[in-house]
């Protein structure tokens, strides 16, 4: 059975017993229920017993070596059947600041030529609000705008190159299109005879123009190392989009473990790794690339992108992939049960991040503690945006 057949058949079976609008409401309720969410202050959450257990297990030291106050990490289960997300809410919500950034994004998108004829829709997605929510360490609109341009360039690539056939996406040529785009993200130097052709591509392809413009703006606020890590993470993202195209071209539905590997690569890490640059400090390369630190923030990124799967899965086309659908196919369960299982996986990963953060906060630098706290704040802001953006609410068209 092809991937398209499996997913289409799954969608028909799953939604016959649980209407699409009810499923959407179930997903919305999961993200919106922040009344018993963990604290937005990572230092308070990392003091919990689960983090302490993990910390002493990973270091080999007994509990007496640490004096960390204990507090419950999970709220009691809800009575309404809605699974509880272990994810904070936003640190700050400044609508006026978000609107300022959003105005700048819409103006810039018109200048570089992305989303032509759809700028009103882009405005409604409110990516300015996303960046305002996820980077609460600064109130500088221009710093936030630099980060927002990078996010929108990434989302435009996903829409125009990977996902949206109506916008020209074609899985058969994803690899070649992304390779050319990467020559803009990490600028290639060609021999003189061929350089003008690459220059013309950089100038005439709107997404290439968007990335070039966004990264020039971002470079005002990054060190060489910070910009390099962003380029590195984009290369990983492009690799993951190629993997997704492979599934479509070859008509294959991935097993759950392979899908999670793809989401480990295809997530929000490019904007997440900018938290220090946007806030005006730098986590040293030695700490940023330390395997223990990288494991922590990549785990957080994988957990957070599953919120996207929960929400966008209710408005994607029948041939798109998301974790609930892949779980439902592999385990033969209902889509609602698969959404609940996705929440469980998300929570397991989030607890792992908190435990890692507790360990690293004891042995790392002050900037590492700040970086991990800013990652936690990013997760909470992302949750709030996913729960409110029109990209996943109130549109008749499919989105991812």
Protein backbone atom coordinates (compact mmCIF):
# COMPACT_ATOMS: atom_id res chain seq x y z
CA UNK A 1 0.00 0.00 0.00
CA UNK A 2 1.33 3.43 -0.90
CA UNK A 3 1.76 6.22 1.62
CA UNK A 4 -1.07 8.16 -0.03
CA UNK A 5 -3.40 5.14 0.07
CA UNK A 6 -2.55 4.38 3.68
CA UNK A 7 -3.05 7.95 4.82
CA UNK A 8 -6.22 8.48 2.81
CA UNK A 9 -7.74 5.25 4.05
CA UNK A 10 -6.71 6.11 7.58
CA UNK A 11 -8.31 9.54 7.36
CA UNK A 12 -11.61 8.13 6.14
CA UNK A 13 -11.72 5.50 8.88
CA UNK A 14 -10.58 7.77 11.68
CA UNK A 15 -12.82 10.69 10.93
CA UNK A 16 -15.95 8.64 10.28
CA UNK A 17 -16.29 8.02 14.03
CA UNK A 18 -14.81 11.26 15.27
CA UNK A 19 -15.75 14.28 13.19
CA UNK A 20 -13.01 16.58 11.98
CA UNK A 21 -14.39 19.59 13.85
CA UNK A 22 -14.52 17.59 17.09
CA UNK A 23 -10.95 16.45 16.53
CA UNK A 24 -9.88 20.02 15.94
CA UNK A 25 -11.61 21.05 19.13
CA UNK A 26 -9.86 18.25 21.02
CA UNK A 27 -6.46 19.44 19.77
CA UNK A 28 -7.29 23.07 20.58
CA UNK A 29 -8.36 22.13 24.11
CA UNK A 30 -5.03 20.38 24.70
CA UNK A 31 -2.96 23.44 23.81
CA UNK A 32 -5.28 25.97 25.41
CA UNK A 33 -5.46 24.30 28.83
CA UNK A 34 -2.63 26.21 30.52
CA UNK A 35 -4.27 26.63 33.92
CA UNK A 36 -2.12 23.89 35.42
CA UNK A 37 0.87 24.29 33.14
CA UNK A 38 4.33 24.16 34.72
CA UNK A 39 5.98 27.39 35.72
CA UNK A 40 7.44 29.58 33.01
CA UNK A 41 10.54 29.80 35.23
CA UNK A 42 12.74 26.83 34.40
CA UNK A 43 14.62 27.08 37.69
CA UNK A 44 11.40 26.28 39.57
CA UNK A 45 10.46 23.36 37.34
CA UNK A 46 13.96 21.87 37.32
CA UNK A 47 13.77 21.56 41.11
CA UNK A 48 11.14 18.81 40.84
CA UNK A 49 11.65 15.17 41.84
CA UNK A 50 11.75 13.76 38.33
CA UNK A 51 14.60 16.05 37.41
CA UNK A 52 16.44 15.14 40.60
CA UNK A 53 16.02 11.42 39.96
CA UNK A 54 17.38 11.79 36.45
CA UNK A 55 20.21 14.02 37.62
CA UNK A 56 21.48 11.59 40.27
CA UNK A 57 21.10 8.65 37.88
CA UNK A 58 23.10 10.36 35.12
CA UNK A 59 25.90 11.58 37.39
CA UNK A 60 26.20 8.50 39.56
CA UNK A 61 26.10 10.69 42.67
CA UNK A 62 23.75 10.10 45.55
CA UNK A 63 20.93 12.44 46.43
CA UNK A 64 22.84 13.74 49.41
CA UNK A 65 25.23 15.46 47.00
CA UNK A 66 22.46 17.85 46.00
CA UNK A 67 20.16 20.09 47.98
CA UNK A 68 17.37 20.78 45.50
CA UNK A 69 13.88 21.48 46.82
CA UNK A 70 11.25 19.02 45.68
CA UNK A 71 7.97 20.05 44.09
CA UNK A 72 5.40 18.20 42.00
CA UNK A 73 6.16 18.24 38.27
CA UNK A 74 2.86 17.03 36.89
CA UNK A 75 -0.61 18.32 37.71
CA UNK A 76 -3.25 15.73 38.51
CA UNK A 77 -5.08 14.32 35.48
CA UNK A 78 -8.04 16.27 34.17
CA UNK A 79 -11.60 15.02 34.56
CA UNK A 80 -12.73 15.96 31.03
CA UNK A 81 -10.64 13.45 29.11
CA UNK A 82 -8.27 16.10 27.73
CA UNK A 83 -4.66 15.00 28.24
CA UNK A 84 -2.49 17.46 30.12
CA UNK A 85 0.51 18.94 28.31
CA UNK A 86 3.71 19.34 30.31
CA UNK A 87 4.63 22.66 28.76
CA UNK A 88 4.74 26.19 30.17
CA UNK A 89 2.70 29.13 29.04
CA UNK A 90 4.32 32.32 27.72
CA UNK A 91 6.59 34.49 29.84
CA UNK A 92 5.13 37.64 28.33
CA UNK A 93 2.37 38.64 25.94
CA UNK A 94 2.75 42.15 24.55
CA UNK A 95 0.22 42.49 21.69
CA UNK A 96 1.46 45.94 20.68
CA UNK A 97 5.05 44.75 20.34
CA UNK A 98 3.92 41.68 18.42
CA UNK A 99 1.89 43.84 16.06
CA UNK A 100 4.87 46.11 15.42
CA UNK A 101 6.99 43.12 14.45
CA UNK A 102 4.16 41.69 12.37
CA UNK A 103 3.77 44.95 10.44
CA UNK A 104 7.47 44.83 9.65
CA UNK A 105 7.22 41.23 8.45
CA UNK A 106 4.34 41.93 6.07
CA UNK A 107 6.10 44.96 4.62
CA UNK A 108 9.34 42.98 4.17
CA UNK A 109 7.56 40.00 2.58
CA UNK A 110 6.08 42.34 -0.01
CA UNK A 111 9.53 43.75 -0.73
CA UNK A 112 11.25 40.38 -1.25
CA UNK A 113 8.31 38.86 -3.14
CA UNK A 114 7.19 35.96 -0.96
CA UNK A 115 3.49 35.19 -0.48
CA UNK A 116 2.42 37.40 -3.42
CA UNK A 117 -1.29 38.10 -3.30
CA UNK A 118 -1.46 36.48 0.15
CA UNK A 119 -0.05 39.19 2.39
CA UNK A 120 -3.33 39.51 4.26
CA UNK A 121 -3.14 35.81 5.07
CA UNK A 122 0.48 36.20 6.14
CA UNK A 123 -0.54 39.05 8.43
CA UNK A 124 -3.25 36.87 9.95
CA UNK A 125 -0.74 34.11 10.72
CA UNK A 126 0.88 36.68 13.04
CA UNK A 127 4.48 35.51 12.95
CA UNK A 128 5.36 38.77 14.68
CA UNK A 129 3.38 37.53 17.66
CA UNK A 130 5.23 34.20 17.53
CA UNK A 131 8.59 35.93 17.83
CA UNK A 132 7.37 38.35 20.50
CA UNK A 133 6.13 35.38 22.55
CA UNK A 134 9.19 33.18 22.07
CA UNK A 135 11.88 35.81 22.71
CA UNK A 136 10.74 37.57 25.91
CA UNK A 137 14.31 38.55 26.85
CA UNK A 138 14.23 41.60 24.56
CA UNK A 139 11.80 44.41 23.78
CA UNK A 140 13.81 45.63 20.78
CA UNK A 141 11.50 45.47 17.73
CA UNK A 142 14.41 45.36 15.29
CA UNK A 143 16.08 42.38 16.96
CA UNK A 144 12.73 40.60 16.97
CA UNK A 145 12.15 41.53 13.34
CA UNK A 146 15.50 40.00 12.34
CA UNK A 147 14.48 36.70 13.96
CA UNK A 148 10.99 36.92 12.47
CA UNK A 149 12.34 37.35 8.94
CA UNK A 150 14.35 34.14 9.33
CA UNK A 151 11.29 32.25 10.60
CA UNK A 152 9.10 33.44 7.75
CA UNK A 153 11.77 32.56 5.17
CA UNK A 154 11.83 29.03 6.62
CA UNK A 155 8.04 28.74 6.60
CA UNK A 156 7.88 30.03 3.03
CA UNK A 157 10.35 27.34 2.00
CA UNK A 158 8.18 24.71 3.66
CA UNK A 159 5.11 26.03 1.86
CA UNK A 160 6.53 26.71 -1.61
CA UNK A 161 9.11 23.93 -1.88
CA UNK A 162 7.99 21.09 0.39
CA UNK A 163 4.28 21.05 1.24
CA UNK A 164 1.90 23.16 -0.79
CA UNK A 165 1.36 21.78 -4.30
CA UNK A 166 -0.90 24.75 -5.04
CA UNK A 167 2.13 27.00 -4.46
CA UNK A 168 4.43 24.95 -6.68
CA UNK A 169 5.81 22.32 -4.29
CA UNK A 170 6.84 19.08 -6.01
CA UNK A 171 8.43 16.24 -4.00
CA UNK A 172 10.28 15.00 -7.09
CA UNK A 173 12.47 18.12 -7.18
CA UNK A 174 12.69 19.05 -3.50
CA UNK A 175 16.34 18.02 -3.30
CA UNK A 176 17.56 20.13 -6.21
CA UNK A 177 15.55 23.16 -5.12
CA UNK A 178 16.84 22.98 -1.55
CA UNK A 179 20.43 22.48 -2.70
CA UNK A 180 20.28 25.68 -4.72
CA UNK A 181 18.69 27.50 -1.80
CA UNK A 182 21.40 26.26 0.53
CA UNK A 183 23.96 27.92 -1.73
CA UNK A 184 22.32 31.16 -0.57
CA UNK A 185 22.03 30.22 3.10
CA UNK A 186 25.70 29.17 3.15
CA UNK A 187 26.97 31.27 0.22
CA UNK A 188 28.72 29.31 -2.53
CA UNK A 189 31.59 30.78 -4.52
CA UNK A 190 31.45 29.56 -8.11
CA UNK A 191 34.04 29.99 -10.90
CA UNK A 192 33.74 33.30 -12.72
CA UNK A 193 32.07 31.77 -15.78
CA UNK A 194 29.16 30.38 -13.73
CA UNK A 195 28.86 32.83 -10.86
CA UNK A 196 26.44 35.16 -12.75
CA UNK A 197 23.90 32.34 -13.01
CA UNK A 198 23.96 31.78 -9.27
CA UNK A 199 23.76 35.53 -8.72
CA UNK A 200 20.69 35.66 -10.95
CA UNK A 201 19.07 32.88 -8.91
CA UNK A 202 19.81 34.74 -5.69
CA UNK A 203 18.24 37.86 -7.15
CA UNK A 204 15.23 36.40 -8.99
CA UNK A 205 14.06 33.59 -6.69
CA UNK A 206 11.87 35.19 -3.97
CA UNK A 207 12.71 32.66 -1.27
CA UNK A 208 16.42 33.04 -2.00
CA UNK A 209 16.01 36.80 -1.76
CA UNK A 210 14.13 36.36 1.51
CA UNK A 211 16.88 34.26 3.06
CA UNK A 212 19.64 36.59 1.87
CA UNK A 213 17.80 39.62 3.23
CA UNK A 214 16.86 37.93 6.51
CA UNK A 215 20.38 36.71 7.21
CA UNK A 216 21.90 40.09 6.42
CA UNK A 217 19.56 41.58 9.03
CA UNK A 218 20.30 38.79 11.51
CA UNK A 219 24.06 39.29 11.09
CA UNK A 220 23.74 42.72 12.73
CA UNK A 221 23.06 40.96 16.02
CA UNK A 222 25.05 37.71 15.86
CA UNK A 223 28.65 36.76 16.26
CA UNK A 224 30.26 34.71 13.50
CA UNK A 225 29.72 31.57 15.59
CA UNK A 226 26.03 32.31 16.18
CA UNK A 227 25.38 32.90 12.50
CA UNK A 228 27.32 29.73 11.69
CA UNK A 229 25.22 27.62 14.03
CA UNK A 230 22.06 29.00 12.38
CA UNK A 231 23.40 28.03 8.94
CA UNK A 232 24.30 24.58 10.24
CA UNK A 233 20.82 24.04 11.64
CA UNK A 234 19.20 25.11 8.37
CA UNK A 235 21.28 22.52 6.53
CA UNK A 236 19.92 19.85 8.88
CA UNK A 237 16.38 21.11 8.27
CA UNK A 238 16.87 20.91 4.51
CA UNK A 239 18.09 17.31 4.90
CA UNK A 240 14.93 16.41 6.79
CA UNK A 241 12.72 17.95 4.11
CA UNK A 242 14.46 15.70 1.61
CA UNK A 243 13.59 12.70 3.77
CA UNK A 244 9.93 13.73 3.77
CA UNK A 245 9.99 14.11 -0.02
CA UNK A 246 11.41 10.58 -0.25
CA UNK A 247 8.36 9.21 1.56
CA UNK A 248 6.03 10.92 -0.90
CA UNK A 249 7.96 10.05 -4.06
CA UNK A 250 8.32 6.39 -3.08
CA UNK A 251 4.78 6.05 -1.67
CA UNK A 252 5.99 4.98 1.75
CA UNK A 253 4.53 5.59 5.19
CA UNK A 254 7.38 5.74 7.74
CA UNK A 255 7.27 3.74 10.97
CA UNK A 256 6.88 5.86 14.10
CA UNK A 257 10.56 5.65 15.05
CA UNK A 258 11.65 6.92 11.62
CA UNK A 259 9.08 9.69 11.68
CA UNK A 260 10.46 10.83 15.05
CA UNK A 261 13.99 10.81 13.61
CA UNK A 262 12.73 13.10 10.86
CA UNK A 263 11.13 15.39 13.42
CA UNK A 264 14.38 15.41 15.38
CA UNK A 265 15.83 17.07 12.28
CA UNK A 266 12.73 18.96 11.08
CA UNK A 267 11.68 21.21 13.93
CA UNK A 268 12.01 24.74 15.27
CA UNK A 269 15.72 24.59 16.11
CA UNK A 270 16.83 27.24 13.57
CA UNK A 271 14.88 29.98 15.40
CA UNK A 272 15.36 28.37 18.83
CA UNK A 273 19.17 28.49 18.65
CA UNK A 274 18.94 32.25 18.20
CA UNK A 275 17.60 32.88 21.72
CA UNK A 276 20.93 34.19 22.97
CA UNK A 277 21.66 36.30 19.90
CA UNK A 278 18.24 37.95 20.02
CA UNK A 279 18.65 38.57 23.76
CA UNK A 280 22.09 40.14 23.29
CA UNK A 281 24.48 37.57 24.77
CA UNK A 282 26.34 34.50 23.47
CA UNK A 283 26.52 30.92 24.68
CA UNK A 284 30.09 29.88 23.89
CA UNK A 285 30.62 27.41 21.02
CA UNK A 286 32.22 24.97 23.45
CA UNK A 287 29.03 24.81 25.50
CA UNK A 288 26.61 25.14 22.61
CA UNK A 289 28.10 22.15 20.80
CA UNK A 290 28.81 20.10 23.92
CA UNK A 291 26.96 16.79 23.28
CA UNK A 292 25.16 17.02 26.63
CA UNK A 293 23.92 20.53 25.90
CA UNK A 294 22.97 19.68 22.33
CA UNK A 295 21.03 16.65 23.53
CA UNK A 296 19.06 18.91 25.86
CA UNK A 297 17.96 21.55 23.37
CA UNK A 298 17.37 19.09 20.52
CA UNK A 299 15.11 17.11 22.85
CA UNK A 300 13.19 20.29 23.64
CA UNK A 301 12.88 21.09 19.94
CA UNK A 302 11.54 17.61 19.14
CA UNK A 303 8.98 17.90 21.92
CA UNK A 304 7.88 21.34 20.79
CA UNK A 305 7.39 20.44 17.15
CA UNK A 306 4.95 17.73 18.26
CA UNK A 307 2.63 20.58 19.32
CA UNK A 308 2.65 21.53 15.65
CA UNK A 309 1.71 17.95 14.78
CA UNK A 310 -1.19 18.00 17.24
CA UNK A 311 -2.60 21.23 15.91
CA UNK A 312 -1.74 21.21 12.22
CA UNK A 313 -2.73 17.55 11.84
CA UNK A 314 -6.39 18.51 12.01
CA UNK A 315 -6.11 20.82 8.97
CA UNK A 316 -3.54 19.07 6.77
CA UNK A 317 -4.36 17.19 3.58
CA UNK A 318 -4.97 13.44 3.74
CA UNK A 319 -1.53 12.68 2.29
CA UNK A 320 0.50 14.71 4.80
CA UNK A 321 2.43 13.10 7.61
CA UNK A 322 2.17 13.90 11.30
CA UNK A 323 2.79 11.86 14.43
CA UNK A 324 -0.86 11.10 15.32
CA UNK A 325 -1.55 9.78 11.84
CA UNK A 326 1.59 7.66 11.74
CA UNK A 327 0.85 6.25 15.21
CA UNK A 328 -2.73 5.47 14.20
CA UNK A 329 -1.58 3.57 11.11
CA UNK A 330 1.13 1.64 12.93
CA UNK A 331 -0.87 0.80 16.06
CA UNK A 332 -4.33 0.54 14.55
CA UNK A 333 -5.84 2.95 17.06
CA UNK A 334 -8.26 5.84 16.66
CA UNK A 335 -6.93 9.28 15.79
CA UNK A 336 -8.07 10.63 19.15
CA UNK A 337 -6.09 7.91 20.94
CA UNK A 338 -3.11 8.68 18.71
CA UNK A 339 -3.31 12.36 19.67
CA UNK A 340 -3.31 11.34 23.33
CA UNK A 341 -0.29 9.13 22.70
CA UNK A 342 1.44 12.09 21.00
CA UNK A 343 0.87 14.16 24.14
CA UNK A 344 2.43 11.36 26.22
CA UNK A 345 5.49 11.31 23.95
CA UNK A 346 5.73 15.10 24.13
CA UNK A 347 5.59 15.03 27.92
CA UNK A 348 8.24 12.32 28.16
CA UNK A 349 10.59 14.42 26.06
CA UNK A 350 9.87 17.58 28.03
CA UNK A 351 10.64 15.84 31.32
CA UNK A 352 13.89 14.62 29.79
CA UNK A 353 14.79 18.21 28.85
CA UNK A 354 14.03 19.48 32.34
CA UNK A 355 16.17 16.73 33.85
CA UNK A 356 19.05 17.53 31.52
CA UNK A 357 18.67 21.23 32.30
CA UNK A 358 18.87 20.51 36.04
CA UNK A 359 22.16 18.69 35.54
CA UNK A 360 23.65 21.24 33.18
CA UNK A 361 22.62 24.18 35.35
CA UNK A 362 24.78 22.79 38.15
CA UNK A 363 27.90 22.24 36.05
CA UNK A 364 27.60 24.88 33.32
CA UNK A 365 28.28 28.59 33.02
CA UNK A 366 25.82 31.35 33.93
CA UNK A 367 25.22 31.87 30.19
CA UNK A 368 24.30 28.20 29.83
CA UNK A 369 21.73 28.52 32.62
CA UNK A 370 20.36 31.60 30.89
CA UNK A 371 20.31 29.83 27.51
CA UNK A 372 18.37 26.85 28.89
CA UNK A 373 15.90 29.19 30.60
CA UNK A 374 15.44 31.06 27.33
CA UNK A 375 14.80 27.76 25.51
CA UNK A 376 12.11 26.96 28.11
CA UNK A 377 10.57 30.39 27.52
CA UNK A 378 10.66 29.72 23.77
CA UNK A 379 8.66 26.53 24.30
CA UNK A 380 5.98 28.36 26.25
CA UNK A 381 5.68 31.11 23.68
CA UNK A 382 5.41 28.57 20.88
CA UNK A 383 2.61 26.79 22.70
CA UNK A 384 0.64 30.02 23.00
CA UNK A 385 1.13 30.92 19.33
CA UNK A 386 0.06 27.46 18.13
CA UNK A 387 -3.07 27.74 20.24
CA UNK A 388 -4.06 31.09 18.72
CA UNK A 389 -2.67 31.60 15.21
CA UNK A 390 -5.06 31.64 12.27
CA UNK A 391 -2.64 29.37 10.42
CA UNK A 392 -4.28 26.52 12.34
CA UNK A 393 -7.58 28.13 13.28
CA UNK A 394 -10.45 29.31 11.13
CA UNK A 395 -9.03 28.53 7.68
CA UNK A 396 -10.72 26.38 5.10
CA UNK A 397 -7.44 25.59 3.38
CA UNK A 398 -5.01 22.94 4.58
CA UNK A 399 -1.91 24.02 6.46
CA UNK A 400 1.17 22.51 8.07
